[in-house]
Amino acid sequence: MEFGFELAVCGWAERHWPPGGNTDRAALVARQLGTKHRRWDTIVVECDPTGLAERAQFGDRHLDSDLLGVVRHAPAEWAWYRDALPEPEYPWRYVREAVTRAADRGLVDRRTRGGRVELRRRHPYPDWVERVVAVENKPDLSASAARDLARQLRQDVALGLADEVWVATRADQATAALLSDGPVEAGILAVDPDRRGTDAVDVVWRPRQLPADEPGTRILERPSTGGHGTSAWRFEYASPAWKENKRRQIAERAYERGWRAYVDSMRPDCRYFELQPEPAVSRPFCTAKNRGQSPRECAGSCPQFEPEPPTWRQGDWPIDGGPGGALTRLLDHQRARHRPEPPEES
């Protein structure tokens, strides 16, 4: 199942990234992140350890684009927000609202003097992101899946939003991935989802470094006919500034969510929900269906859904929930332990 394969790739990357090498960078791993037009299965954010610790001063929640604009440009001394922040592409009243939200979360200091909203930073926002790596998980590379994958990878390479693009597939599918018509800039990982450690993944093809700090091309529409067709490509350019901001937003989402956030869209309060230990990583398992589950299947519309009996929430279980609540807290704890503690105030 692709969802279980995806969890195995995320669990391996969290412990052993980068493939086949050592680095001093810290790595944050997340699932299902990207842009409006493209979402990747797995994202690896390679971070400067010192900058990552400084990022922890802003809390565990992500900073959206509006909040990033406030905290990154907040001055060291009190200043009117319209003097301190860059000119926005939308009305200033929305910036004022963002300043208020940032102050409510303790990200900046805010005050009103003479009818003007002023702000002051609490901490400088660090440049904690060094590289963003995208991994597309395709355990089963049928002919149609390979064609779709090649198209997606060519778009990723043209845009250059990620520093590297990889394909993760099963070991017995790696040859098919290598022989497909995908771009040579994409790397290939051969994965055994039932094994642990560095031996669970082999590098079949190493990717090329993409120019993430240069303009990219966003492909909007490809010709639907053959090489002699009359339909034209439609594309637009992505500026380095747009790419930089989008990478920072993706990294912020990865910082908050991690890859265990799948439980937020599943039903751990169902009596049939379990986390079944596997050789590589624990995966959601349904005892009613006797198989692994994905967020799409494990939802409130599932005909097998049954709430936990009230008696399960008593006795040895915490009063605020039964086994489902305990599993949720376990995954939250595992997600949080990969975020560092903020540095002590001097």
C-alpha atoms as a PDB file:
ATOM      1  CA  MET A   1       0.000   0.000   0.000  1.00  0.00           C
ATOM      2  CA  GLU A   2       1.392   3.374  -1.017  1.00  0.00           C
ATOM      3  CA  PHE A   3       0.530   5.027   2.300  1.00  0.00           C
ATOM      4  CA  GLY A   4       2.494   2.450   4.308  1.00  0.00           C
ATOM      5  CA  PHE A   5       5.379   2.756   1.854  1.00  0.00           C
ATOM      6  CA  GLU A   6       5.318   6.518   2.323  1.00  0.00           C
ATOM      7  CA  LEU A   7       5.499   6.190   6.109  1.00  0.00           C
ATOM      8  CA  ALA A   8       8.436   3.804   5.755  1.00  0.00           C
ATOM      9  CA  VAL A   9      10.301   6.313   3.559  1.00  0.00           C
ATOM     10  CA  CYS A  10       9.611   9.123   6.045  1.00  0.00           C
ATOM     11  CA  GLY A  11      10.763   7.034   9.002  1.00  0.00           C
ATOM     12  CA  TRP A  12      13.963   6.068   7.212  1.00  0.00           C
ATOM     13  CA  ALA A  13      14.697   9.652   6.133  1.00  0.00           C
ATOM     14  CA  GLU A  14      14.207  10.923   9.674  1.00  0.00           C
ATOM     15  CA  ARG A  15      16.975   8.633  10.920  1.00  0.00           C
ATOM     16  CA  HIS A  16      19.356   8.250   7.983  1.00  0.00           C
ATOM     17  CA  TRP A  17      19.184  11.295   5.731  1.00  0.00           C
ATOM     18  CA  PRO A  18      21.089  11.970   3.499  1.00  0.00           C
ATOM     19  CA  PRO A  19      21.298   8.681   1.626  1.00  0.00           C
ATOM     20  CA  GLY A  20      24.767   7.242   1.532  1.00  0.00           C
ATOM     21  CA  GLY A  21      26.483  10.042   3.419  1.00  0.00           C
ATOM     22  CA  ASN A  22      26.949  11.980   6.633  1.00  0.00           C
ATOM     23  CA  THR A  23      26.214  15.626   7.280  1.00  0.00           C
ATOM     24  CA  ASP A  24      26.165  18.095  10.117  1.00  0.00           C
ATOM     25  CA  ARG A  25      22.777  19.385   9.014  1.00  0.00           C
ATOM     26  CA  ALA A  26      19.668  18.567  11.011  1.00  0.00           C
ATOM     27  CA  ALA A  27      16.771  17.215   8.955  1.00  0.00           C
ATOM     28  CA  LEU A  28      13.024  17.683   9.382  1.00  0.00           C
ATOM     29  CA  VAL A  29      10.757  15.293   7.482  1.00  0.00           C
ATOM     30  CA  ALA A  30       7.134  15.976   6.540  1.00  0.00           C
ATOM     31  CA  ARG A  31       4.439  14.559   4.270  1.00  0.00           C
ATOM     32  CA  GLN A  32       2.163  15.987   1.603  1.00  0.00           C
ATOM     33  CA  LEU A  33       3.504  19.531   1.336  1.00  0.00           C
ATOM     34  CA  GLY A  34       4.150  21.819  -1.593  1.00  0.00           C
ATOM     35  CA  THR A  35       2.451  24.590  -3.542  1.00  0.00           C
ATOM     36  CA  LYS A  36      -1.010  25.218  -4.937  1.00  0.00           C
ATOM     37  CA  HIS A  37      -0.037  23.428  -8.145  1.00  0.00           C
ATOM     38  CA  ARG A  38       2.270  20.696  -6.817  1.00  0.00           C
ATOM     39  CA  ARG A  39       2.284  18.589  -3.669  1.00  0.00           C
ATOM     40  CA  TRP A  40       5.117  16.182  -2.840  1.00  0.00           C
ATOM     41  CA  ASP A  41       4.782  12.929  -0.937  1.00  0.00           C
ATOM     42  CA  THR A  42       7.801  13.530   1.295  1.00  0.00           C
ATOM     43  CA  ILE A  43       9.692  16.721   2.082  1.00  0.00           C
ATOM     44  CA  VAL A  44      13.103  16.766   3.777  1.00  0.00           C
ATOM     45  CA  VAL A  45      14.175  20.150   5.099  1.00  0.00           C
ATOM     46  CA  GLU A  46      17.904  20.249   5.777  1.00  0.00           C
ATOM     47  CA  CYS A  47      18.587  22.806   8.488  1.00  0.00           C
ATOM     48  CA  ASP A  48      21.426  24.638  10.135  1.00  0.00           C
ATOM     49  CA  PRO A  49      21.375  23.241  13.719  1.00  0.00           C
ATOM     50  CA  THR A  50      22.012  26.634  15.321  1.00  0.00           C
ATOM     51  CA  GLY A  51      19.371  28.329  13.187  1.00  0.00           C
ATOM     52  CA  LEU A  52      16.913  25.519  13.901  1.00  0.00           C
ATOM     53  CA  ALA A  53      17.354  26.040  17.644  1.00  0.00           C
ATOM     54  CA  GLU A  54      16.764  29.765  17.172  1.00  0.00           C
ATOM     55  CA  ARG A  55      13.613  29.019  15.165  1.00  0.00           C
ATOM     56  CA  ALA A  56      12.262  27.211  18.242  1.00  0.00           C
ATOM     57  CA  GLN A  57      11.916  30.588  19.958  1.00  0.00           C
ATOM     58  CA  PHE A  58       8.858  31.230  17.775  1.00  0.00           C
ATOM     59  CA  GLY A  59       6.949  28.193  19.045  1.00  0.00           C
ATOM     60  CA  ASP A  60       5.806  24.916  17.532  1.00  0.00           C
ATOM     61  CA  ARG A  61       3.133  26.353  15.242  1.00  0.00           C
ATOM     62  CA  HIS A  62       4.029  27.348  11.712  1.00  0.00           C
ATOM     63  CA  LEU A  63       4.273  30.945  10.543  1.00  0.00           C
ATOM     64  CA  ASP A  64       2.141  31.641   7.481  1.00  0.00           C
ATOM     65  CA  SER A  65       3.210  34.073   4.773  1.00  0.00           C
ATOM     66  CA  ASP A  66       1.685  37.093   6.538  1.00  0.00           C
ATOM     67  CA  LEU A  67       3.301  36.274   9.876  1.00  0.00           C
ATOM     68  CA  LEU A  68       6.642  35.630   8.195  1.00  0.00           C
ATOM     69  CA  GLY A  69       6.494  39.092   6.672  1.00  0.00           C
ATOM     70  CA  VAL A  70       6.003  40.573  10.148  1.00  0.00           C
ATOM     71  CA  VAL A  71       8.568  38.628  12.182  1.00  0.00           C
ATOM     72  CA  ARG A  72      11.301  38.773   9.529  1.00  0.00           C
ATOM     73  CA  HIS A  73      11.113  42.557   9.208  1.00  0.00           C
ATOM     74  CA  ALA A  74      10.122  43.569  12.728  1.00  0.00           C
ATOM     75  CA  PRO A  75      12.635  46.230  13.899  1.00  0.00           C
ATOM     76  CA  ALA A  76      14.836  45.970  16.969  1.00  0.00           C
ATOM     77  CA  GLU A  77      13.366  49.236  18.286  1.00  0.00           C
ATOM     78  CA  TRP A  78       9.787  50.468  18.358  1.00  0.00           C
ATOM     79  CA  ALA A  79       8.578  51.730  14.961  1.00  0.00           C
ATOM     80  CA  TRP A  80       5.330  52.410  13.139  1.00  0.00           C
ATOM     81  CA  TYR A  81       4.456  49.234  11.274  1.00  0.00           C
ATOM     82  CA  ARG A  82       4.144  51.062   7.935  1.00  0.00           C
ATOM     83  CA  ASP A  83       7.686  52.387   8.304  1.00  0.00           C
ATOM     84  CA  ALA A  84       9.126  49.084   9.515  1.00  0.00           C
ATOM     85  CA  LEU A  85       7.564  46.583   7.105  1.00  0.00           C
ATOM     86  CA  PRO A  86       8.009  46.425   3.316  1.00  0.00           C
ATOM     87  CA  GLU A  87       5.292  47.680   0.994  1.00  0.00           C
ATOM     88  CA  PRO A  88       2.712  44.870   0.614  1.00  0.00           C
ATOM     89  CA  GLU A  89       0.874  43.779  -2.514  1.00  0.00           C
ATOM     90  CA  TYR A  90      -2.444  44.131  -0.664  1.00  0.00           C
ATOM     91  CA  PRO A  91      -4.020  46.800   1.579  1.00  0.00           C
ATOM     92  CA  TRP A  92      -2.130  47.832   4.711  1.00  0.00           C
ATOM     93  CA  ARG A  93      -5.096  46.932   6.913  1.00  0.00           C
ATOM     94  CA  TYR A  94      -4.299  43.255   6.363  1.00  0.00           C
ATOM     95  CA  VAL A  95      -0.727  43.907   7.476  1.00  0.00           C
ATOM     96  CA  ARG A  96      -2.060  45.543  10.625  1.00  0.00           C
ATOM     97  CA  GLU A  97      -4.149  42.439  11.274  1.00  0.00           C
ATOM     98  CA  ALA A  98      -1.034  40.265  10.833  1.00  0.00           C
ATOM     99  CA  VAL A  99       0.855  42.420  13.342  1.00  0.00           C
ATOM    100  CA  THR A 100      -1.957  41.877  15.841  1.00  0.00           C
ATOM    101  CA  ARG A 101      -1.926  38.116  15.246  1.00  0.00           C
ATOM    102  CA  ALA A 102       1.838  38.024  15.670  1.00  0.00           C
ATOM    103  CA  ALA A 103       1.580  39.921  18.952  1.00  0.00           C
ATOM    104  CA  ASP A 104      -1.202  37.626  20.193  1.00  0.00           C
ATOM    105  CA  ARG A 105       1.121  34.654  19.624  1.00  0.00           C
ATOM    106  CA  GLY A 106       4.018  36.380  21.383  1.00  0.00           C
ATOM    107  CA  LEU A 107       6.104  36.651  18.214  1.00  0.00           C
ATOM    108  CA  VAL A 108       6.540  40.436  18.395  1.00  0.00           C
ATOM    109  CA  ASP A 109       5.746  43.266  20.793  1.00  0.00           C
ATOM    110  CA  ARG A 110       2.930  45.623  19.818  1.00  0.00           C
ATOM    111  CA  ARG A 111       1.682  48.932  21.169  1.00  0.00           C
ATOM    112  CA  THR A 112      -0.443  51.893  20.069  1.00  0.00           C
ATOM    113  CA  ARG A 113       0.936  55.404  20.348  1.00  0.00           C
ATOM    114  CA  GLY A 114      -0.844  58.473  18.991  1.00  0.00           C
ATOM    115  CA  GLY A 115      -3.297  56.231  17.148  1.00  0.00           C
ATOM    116  CA  ARG A 116      -0.483  54.402  15.370  1.00  0.00           C
ATOM    117  CA  VAL A 117       0.291  50.710  15.719  1.00  0.00           C
ATOM    118  CA  GLU A 118       3.963  50.171  16.512  1.00  0.00           C
ATOM    119  CA  LEU A 119       5.889  46.920  16.757  1.00  0.00           C
ATOM    120  CA  ARG A 120       9.223  45.636  17.963  1.00  0.00           C
ATOM    121  CA  ARG A 121      10.808  42.255  17.468  1.00  0.00           C
ATOM    122  CA  ARG A 122      11.406  39.846  20.307  1.00  0.00           C
ATOM    123  CA  HIS A 123      13.862  37.628  18.450  1.00  0.00           C
ATOM    124  CA  PRO A 124      15.437  37.931  15.007  1.00  0.00           C
ATOM    125  CA  TYR A 125      14.042  35.342  12.624  1.00  0.00           C
ATOM    126  CA  PRO A 126      16.929  33.046  11.628  1.00  0.00           C
ATOM    127  CA  ASP A 127      17.886  31.701   8.192  1.00  0.00           C
ATOM    128  CA  TRP A 128      17.486  28.144   9.431  1.00  0.00           C
ATOM    129  CA  VAL A 129      16.653  26.422   6.119  1.00  0.00           C
ATOM    130  CA  GLU A 130      19.636  25.283   4.082  1.00  0.00           C
ATOM    131  CA  ARG A 131      18.079  22.937   1.555  1.00  0.00           C
ATOM    132  CA  VAL A 132      14.635  21.607   0.631  1.00  0.00           C
ATOM    133  CA  VAL A 133      14.515  18.102  -0.845  1.00  0.00           C
ATOM    134  CA  ALA A 134      11.412  16.610  -2.486  1.00  0.00           C
ATOM    135  CA  VAL A 135      10.767  12.867  -2.682  1.00  0.00           C
ATOM    136  CA  GLU A 136       8.017  11.323  -4.801  1.00  0.00           C
ATOM    137  CA  ASN A 137       6.999   7.868  -3.528  1.00  0.00           C
ATOM    138  CA  LYS A 138       5.986   5.366  -6.205  1.00  0.00           C
ATOM    139  CA  PRO A 139       6.167   1.790  -4.901  1.00  0.00           C
ATOM    140  CA  ASP A 140       4.406   0.413  -7.996  1.00  0.00           C
ATOM    141  CA  LEU A 141       5.734   1.773 -11.283  1.00  0.00           C
ATOM    142  CA  SER A 142       3.296   0.550 -13.892  1.00  0.00           C
ATOM    143  CA  ALA A 143       3.579   1.989 -17.396  1.00  0.00           C
ATOM    144  CA  SER A 144       0.897   4.617 -16.768  1.00  0.00           C
ATOM    145  CA  ALA A 145       2.357   5.502 -13.348  1.00  0.00           C
ATOM    146  CA  ALA A 146       5.808   5.921 -14.919  1.00  0.00           C
ATOM    147  CA  ARG A 147       4.412   8.304 -17.554  1.00  0.00           C
ATOM    148  CA  ASP A 148       2.652  10.409 -14.935  1.00  0.00           C
ATOM    149  CA  LEU A 149       5.752  10.395 -12.755  1.00  0.00           C
ATOM    150  CA  ALA A 150       7.999  11.523 -15.623  1.00  0.00           C
ATOM    151  CA  ARG A 151       5.665  14.440 -16.351  1.00  0.00           C
ATOM    152  CA  GLN A 152       5.645  15.515 -12.695  1.00  0.00           C
ATOM    153  CA  LEU A 153       9.420  15.275 -12.410  1.00  0.00           C
ATOM    154  CA  ARG A 154       9.973  17.374 -15.530  1.00  0.00           C
ATOM    155  CA  GLN A 155       7.786  20.056 -13.989  1.00  0.00           C
ATOM    156  CA  ASP A 156       9.754  19.865 -10.725  1.00  0.00           C
ATOM    157  CA  VAL A 157      13.065  20.228 -12.540  1.00  0.00           C
ATOM    158  CA  ALA A 158      11.816  23.145 -14.638  1.00  0.00           C
ATOM    159  CA  LEU A 159      10.557  25.023 -11.588  1.00  0.00           C
ATOM    160  CA  GLY A 160      13.599  24.282  -9.414  1.00  0.00           C
ATOM    161  CA  LEU A 161      11.767  25.005  -6.172  1.00  0.00           C
ATOM    162  CA  ALA A 162      13.479  22.109  -4.403  1.00  0.00           C
ATOM    163  CA  ASP A 163      17.255  21.728  -4.280  1.00  0.00           C
ATOM    164  CA  GLU A 164      16.942  18.037  -5.152  1.00  0.00           C
ATOM    165  CA  VAL A 165      14.185  15.790  -6.452  1.00  0.00           C
ATOM    166  CA  TRP A 166      14.113  12.050  -5.777  1.00  0.00           C
ATOM    167  CA  VAL A 167      11.916   9.095  -6.682  1.00  0.00           C
ATOM    168  CA  ALA A 168      11.520   6.389  -4.022  1.00  0.00           C
ATOM    169  CA  THR A 169      10.326   3.036  -5.342  1.00  0.00           C
ATOM    170  CA  ARG A 170      10.506  -0.598  -4.343  1.00  0.00           C
ATOM    171  CA  ALA A 171      13.783  -2.333  -5.009  1.00  0.00           C
ATOM    172  CA  ASP A 172      12.220  -4.590  -7.667  1.00  0.00           C
ATOM    173  CA  GLN A 173      10.867  -1.498  -9.467  1.00  0.00           C
ATOM    174  CA  ALA A 174      14.107   0.495  -9.487  1.00  0.00           C
ATOM    175  CA  THR A 175      15.167  -0.699 -12.942  1.00  0.00           C
ATOM    176  CA  ALA A 176      11.834   0.425 -14.390  1.00  0.00           C
ATOM    177  CA  ALA A 177      12.326   3.839 -12.810  1.00  0.00           C
ATOM    178  CA  LEU A 178      15.853   4.094 -14.192  1.00  0.00           C
ATOM    179  CA  LEU A 179      14.741   3.156 -17.702  1.00  0.00           C
ATOM    180  CA  SER A 180      11.699   5.458 -17.759  1.00  0.00           C
ATOM    181  CA  ASP A 181      11.771   8.715 -19.686  1.00  0.00           C
ATOM    182  CA  GLY A 182      12.036  10.858 -16.562  1.00  0.00           C
ATOM    183  CA  PRO A 183      14.617  13.647 -16.349  1.00  0.00           C
ATOM    184  CA  VAL A 184      18.179  12.677 -15.489  1.00  0.00           C
ATOM    185  CA  GLU A 185      18.213  15.430 -12.826  1.00  0.00           C
ATOM    186  CA  ALA A 186      15.975  13.306 -10.553  1.00  0.00           C
ATOM    187  CA  GLY A 187      17.556  10.773  -8.214  1.00  0.00           C
ATOM    188  CA  ILE A 188      16.232   7.256  -7.598  1.00  0.00           C
ATOM    189  CA  LEU A 189      16.031   5.416  -4.262  1.00  0.00           C
ATOM    190  CA  ALA A 190      15.398   1.666  -4.095  1.00  0.00           C
ATOM    191  CA  VAL A 191      13.466   0.993  -0.876  1.00  0.00           C
ATOM    192  CA  ASP A 192      12.754  -2.176   1.062  1.00  0.00           C
ATOM    193  CA  PRO A 193       9.867  -0.968   3.281  1.00  0.00           C
ATOM    194  CA  ASP A 194      10.168  -3.963   5.615  1.00  0.00           C
ATOM    195  CA  ARG A 195      13.786  -3.376   6.649  1.00  0.00           C
ATOM    196  CA  ARG A 196      15.378  -1.049   9.164  1.00  0.00           C
ATOM    197  CA  GLY A 197      18.566   0.981   9.101  1.00  0.00           C
ATOM    198  CA  THR A 198      20.631   2.391   6.295  1.00  0.00           C
ATOM    199  CA  ASP A 199      20.455  -0.914   4.396  1.00  0.00           C
ATOM    200  CA  ALA A 200      16.720  -0.381   3.826  1.00  0.00           C
ATOM    201  CA  VAL A 201      17.465   2.096   1.018  1.00  0.00           C
ATOM    202  CA  ASP A 202      19.984   1.994  -1.839  1.00  0.00           C
ATOM    203  CA  VAL A 203      20.873   4.885  -4.112  1.00  0.00           C
ATOM    204  CA  VAL A 204      20.329   3.787  -7.721  1.00  0.00           C
ATOM    205  CA  TRP A 205      20.804   7.214  -9.317  1.00  0.00           C
ATOM    206  CA  ARG A 206      22.032  10.413  -7.698  1.00  0.00           C
ATOM    207  CA  PRO A 207      20.180  13.660  -8.470  1.00  0.00           C
ATOM    208  CA  ARG A 208      21.636  16.877  -9.764  1.00  0.00           C
ATOM    209  CA  GLN A 209      21.552  20.026  -7.679  1.00  0.00           C
ATOM    210  CA  LEU A 210      18.753  22.249  -8.999  1.00  0.00           C
ATOM    211  CA  PRO A 211      19.182  26.067  -9.202  1.00  0.00           C
ATOM    212  CA  ALA A 212      16.774  26.953  -6.407  1.00  0.00           C
ATOM    213  CA  ASP A 213      18.139  30.511  -6.195  1.00  0.00           C
ATOM    214  CA  GLU A 214      17.554  31.231  -9.893  1.00  0.00           C
ATOM    215  CA  PRO A 215      14.344  31.934 -11.868  1.00  0.00           C
ATOM    216  CA  GLY A 216      12.265  28.856 -12.577  1.00  0.00           C
ATOM    217  CA  THR A 217       9.590  27.882 -15.096  1.00  0.00           C
ATOM    218  CA  ARG A 218       6.157  26.833 -13.907  1.00  0.00           C
ATOM    219  CA  ILE A 219       4.539  24.636 -16.576  1.00  0.00           C
ATOM    220  CA  LEU A 220       0.798  25.340 -16.647  1.00  0.00           C
ATOM    221  CA  GLU A 221      -0.287  23.267 -19.628  1.00  0.00           C
ATOM    222  CA  ARG A 222       1.419  20.739 -21.869  1.00  0.00           C
ATOM    223  CA  PRO A 223       0.465  19.854 -25.456  1.00  0.00           C
ATOM    224  CA  SER A 224      -2.143  17.111 -25.538  1.00  0.00           C
ATOM    225  CA  THR A 225      -1.107  15.824 -28.979  1.00  0.00           C
ATOM    226  CA  GLY A 226       2.048  14.329 -30.395  1.00  0.00           C
ATOM    227  CA  GLY A 227       5.188  16.028 -31.585  1.00  0.00           C
ATOM    228  CA  HIS A 228       3.479  17.497 -34.688  1.00  0.00           C
ATOM    229  CA  GLY A 229       0.420  18.774 -32.839  1.00  0.00           C
ATOM    230  CA  THR A 230      -0.688  22.381 -32.955  1.00  0.00           C
ATOM    231  CA  SER A 231      -1.356  23.005 -29.238  1.00  0.00           C
ATOM    232  CA  ALA A 232       1.224  25.124 -27.444  1.00  0.00           C
ATOM    233  CA  TRP A 233       2.846  24.916 -24.049  1.00  0.00           C
ATOM    234  CA  ARG A 234       1.657  27.404 -21.459  1.00  0.00           C
ATOM    235  CA  PHE A 235       4.069  28.434 -18.729  1.00  0.00           C
ATOM    236  CA  GLU A 236       5.020  31.280 -16.443  1.00  0.00           C
ATOM    237  CA  TYR A 237       8.230  32.298 -14.761  1.00  0.00           C
ATOM    238  CA  ALA A 238       8.817  31.991 -11.028  1.00  0.00           C
ATOM    239  CA  SER A 239      11.126  34.653  -9.645  1.00  0.00           C
ATOM    240  CA  PRO A 240      13.889  33.844  -7.154  1.00  0.00           C
ATOM    241  CA  ALA A 241      12.039  35.944  -4.549  1.00  0.00           C
ATOM    242  CA  TRP A 242       8.841  33.912  -5.020  1.00  0.00           C
ATOM    243  CA  LYS A 243      10.776  30.672  -4.744  1.00  0.00           C
ATOM    244  CA  GLU A 244      12.591  31.820  -1.616  1.00  0.00           C
ATOM    245  CA  ASN A 245       9.335  32.792   0.097  1.00  0.00           C
ATOM    246  CA  LYS A 246       7.602  29.576  -0.946  1.00  0.00           C
ATOM    247  CA  ARG A 247      10.490  27.427   0.308  1.00  0.00           C
ATOM    248  CA  ARG A 248      10.364  29.222   3.645  1.00  0.00           C
ATOM    249  CA  GLN A 249       6.607  28.628   3.889  1.00  0.00           C
ATOM    250  CA  ILE A 250       7.036  24.932   3.084  1.00  0.00           C
ATOM    251  CA  ALA A 251       9.741  24.648   5.731  1.00  0.00           C
ATOM    252  CA  GLU A 252       7.479  26.315   8.292  1.00  0.00           C
ATOM    253  CA  ARG A 253       4.701  23.838   7.584  1.00  0.00           C
ATOM    254  CA  ALA A 254       7.178  20.968   7.832  1.00  0.00           C
ATOM    255  CA  TYR A 255       8.386  22.315  11.187  1.00  0.00           C
ATOM    256  CA  GLU A 256       4.875  22.158  12.620  1.00  0.00           C
ATOM    257  CA  ARG A 257       3.454  19.042  11.000  1.00  0.00           C
ATOM    258  CA  GLY A 258       6.243  16.530  10.627  1.00  0.00           C
ATOM    259  CA  TRP A 259       5.216  13.278   8.947  1.00  0.00           C
ATOM    260  CA  ARG A 260       3.103  11.816  11.756  1.00  0.00           C
ATOM    261  CA  ALA A 261       0.319  14.359  11.280  1.00  0.00           C
ATOM    262  CA  TYR A 262      -1.694  11.732   9.384  1.00  0.00           C
ATOM    263  CA  VAL A 263      -3.460  10.924  12.652  1.00  0.00           C
ATOM    264  CA  ASP A 264      -5.112  14.377  12.492  1.00  0.00           C
ATOM    265  CA  SER A 265      -7.203  13.235   9.520  1.00  0.00           C
ATOM    266  CA  MET A 266      -7.898   9.677  10.739  1.00  0.00           C
ATOM    267  CA  ARG A 267     -10.131   8.235  13.438  1.00  0.00           C
ATOM    268  CA  PRO A 268      -7.926   6.988  16.296  1.00  0.00           C
ATOM    269  CA  ASP A 269     -11.038   7.129  18.530  1.00  0.00           C
ATOM    270  CA  CYS A 270     -12.420   4.100  16.650  1.00  0.00           C
ATOM    271  CA  ARG A 271     -12.279   0.857  18.613  1.00  0.00           C
ATOM    272  CA  TYR A 272     -10.649  -0.860  15.625  1.00  0.00           C
ATOM    273  CA  PHE A 273      -7.804   1.632  15.190  1.00  0.00           C
ATOM    274  CA  GLU A 274      -4.324   0.423  16.111  1.00  0.00           C
ATOM    275  CA  LEU A 275      -0.710   1.307  15.444  1.00  0.00           C
ATOM    276  CA  GLN A 276       0.702  -2.010  14.412  1.00  0.00           C
ATOM    277  CA  PRO A 277       4.465  -2.420  14.851  1.00  0.00           C
ATOM    278  CA  GLU A 278       6.196  -3.212  11.572  1.00  0.00           C
ATOM    279  CA  PRO A 279       9.856  -4.006  10.919  1.00  0.00           C
ATOM    280  CA  ALA A 280      10.501  -0.462   9.678  1.00  0.00           C
ATOM    281  CA  VAL A 281       7.835   1.810  11.172  1.00  0.00           C
ATOM    282  CA  SER A 282       4.508   1.572  13.010  1.00  0.00           C
ATOM    283  CA  ARG A 283       1.556   1.979  10.673  1.00  0.00           C
ATOM    284  CA  PRO A 284      -2.181   2.501  11.187  1.00  0.00           C
ATOM    285  CA  PHE A 285      -3.993  -0.816  11.205  1.00  0.00           C
ATOM    286  CA  CYS A 286      -7.720  -1.650  11.231  1.00  0.00           C
ATOM    287  CA  THR A 287      -8.625  -4.800  13.141  1.00  0.00           C
ATOM    288  CA  ALA A 288     -12.103  -4.827  11.546  1.00  0.00           C
ATOM    289  CA  LYS A 289     -10.637  -4.998   8.015  1.00  0.00           C
ATOM    290  CA  ASN A 290      -7.491  -6.809   9.157  1.00  0.00           C
ATOM    291  CA  ARG A 291      -5.208  -4.617   7.060  1.00  0.00           C
ATOM    292  CA  GLY A 292      -3.362  -1.327   7.039  1.00  0.00           C
ATOM    293  CA  GLN A 293      -5.282   1.896   6.600  1.00  0.00           C
ATOM    294  CA  SER A 294      -4.810   5.233   4.878  1.00  0.00           C
ATOM    295  CA  PRO A 295      -6.372   8.574   5.876  1.00  0.00           C
ATOM    296  CA  ARG A 296      -8.737   8.259   2.915  1.00  0.00           C
ATOM    297  CA  GLU A 297     -10.137   4.957   4.221  1.00  0.00           C
ATOM    298  CA  CYS A 298      -9.990   5.673   7.949  1.00  0.00           C
ATOM    299  CA  ALA A 299     -12.598   8.434   8.122  1.00  0.00           C
ATOM    300  CA  GLY A 300     -15.943   9.114   9.744  1.00  0.00           C
ATOM    301  CA  SER A 301     -17.707   7.729   6.650  1.00  0.00           C
ATOM    302  CA  CYS A 302     -16.135   4.274   7.141  1.00  0.00           C
ATOM    303  CA  PRO A 303     -18.985   1.739   7.606  1.00  0.00           C
ATOM    304  CA  GLN A 304     -16.896  -0.166  10.181  1.00  0.00           C
ATOM    305  CA  PHE A 305     -16.352   2.890  12.384  1.00  0.00           C
ATOM    306  CA  GLU A 306     -17.305   2.352  16.024  1.00  0.00           C
ATOM    307  CA  PRO A 307     -16.503   4.832  18.787  1.00  0.00           C
ATOM    308  CA  GLU A 308     -14.467   3.520  21.682  1.00  0.00           C
ATOM    309  CA  PRO A 309     -16.657   2.235  24.518  1.00  0.00           C
ATOM    310  CA  PRO A 310     -16.862   4.715  27.415  1.00  0.00           C
ATOM    311  CA  THR A 311     -15.427   2.082  29.754  1.00  0.00           C
ATOM    312  CA  TRP A 312     -12.179   2.168  27.774  1.00  0.00           C
ATOM    313  CA  ARG A 313     -11.689   5.736  28.979  1.00  0.00           C
ATOM    314  CA  GLN A 314     -11.680   4.721  32.612  1.00  0.00           C
ATOM    315  CA  GLY A 315      -9.525   2.585  34.844  1.00  0.00           C
ATOM    316  CA  ASP A 316      -5.922   2.518  33.732  1.00  0.00           C
ATOM    317  CA  TRP A 317      -6.483   4.892  30.822  1.00  0.00           C
ATOM    318  CA  PRO A 318      -6.181   8.670  31.281  1.00  0.00           C
ATOM    319  CA  ILE A 319      -9.511  10.359  31.922  1.00  0.00           C
ATOM    320  CA  ASP A 320      -9.196  12.552  28.822  1.00  0.00           C
ATOM    321  CA  GLY A 321      -9.346   9.662  26.383  1.00  0.00           C
ATOM    322  CA  GLY A 322      -8.939   5.960  25.786  1.00  0.00           C
ATOM    323  CA  PRO A 323      -6.401   4.125  23.617  1.00  0.00           C
ATOM    324  CA  GLY A 324      -7.059   6.464  20.674  1.00  0.00           C
ATOM    325  CA  GLY A 325      -6.203   9.496  22.767  1.00  0.00           C
ATOM    326  CA  ALA A 326      -3.064   7.795  24.033  1.00  0.00           C
ATOM    327  CA  LEU A 327      -1.937   6.980  20.481  1.00  0.00           C
ATOM    328  CA  THR A 328      -2.514  10.581  19.420  1.00  0.00           C
ATOM    329  CA  ARG A 329      -0.414  11.858  22.317  1.00  0.00           C
ATOM    330  CA  LEU A 330       2.308   9.335  21.492  1.00  0.00           C
ATOM    331  CA  LEU A 331       2.526  10.538  17.889  1.00  0.00           C
ATOM    332  CA  ASP A 332       2.488  14.173  19.027  1.00  0.00           C
ATOM    333  CA  HIS A 333       5.335  13.423  21.423  1.00  0.00           C
ATOM    334  CA  GLN A 334       7.359  11.708  18.703  1.00  0.00           C
ATOM    335  CA  ARG A 335       6.693  14.621  16.350  1.00  0.00           C
ATOM    336  CA  ALA A 336       7.777  17.174  18.964  1.00  0.00           C
ATOM    337  CA  ARG A 337      11.003  15.451  19.967  1.00  0.00           C
ATOM    338  CA  HIS A 338      12.570  16.308  16.596  1.00  0.00           C
ATOM    339  CA  ARG A 339      12.075  20.011  17.239  1.00  0.00           C
ATOM    340  CA  PRO A 340      14.851  21.423  19.417  1.00  0.00           C
ATOM    341  CA  GLU A 341      14.416  23.377  22.602  1.00  0.00           C
ATOM    342  CA  PRO A 342      14.951  27.128  22.151  1.00  0.00           C
ATOM    343  CA  PRO A 343      18.289  28.509  23.350  1.00  0.00           C
ATOM    344  CA  GLU A 344      18.334  29.927  26.859  1.00  0.00           C
ATOM    345  CA  GLU A 345      17.963  33.649  27.262  1.00  0.00           C
ATOM    346  CA  SER A 346      21.297  35.324  28.017  1.00  0.00           C
END
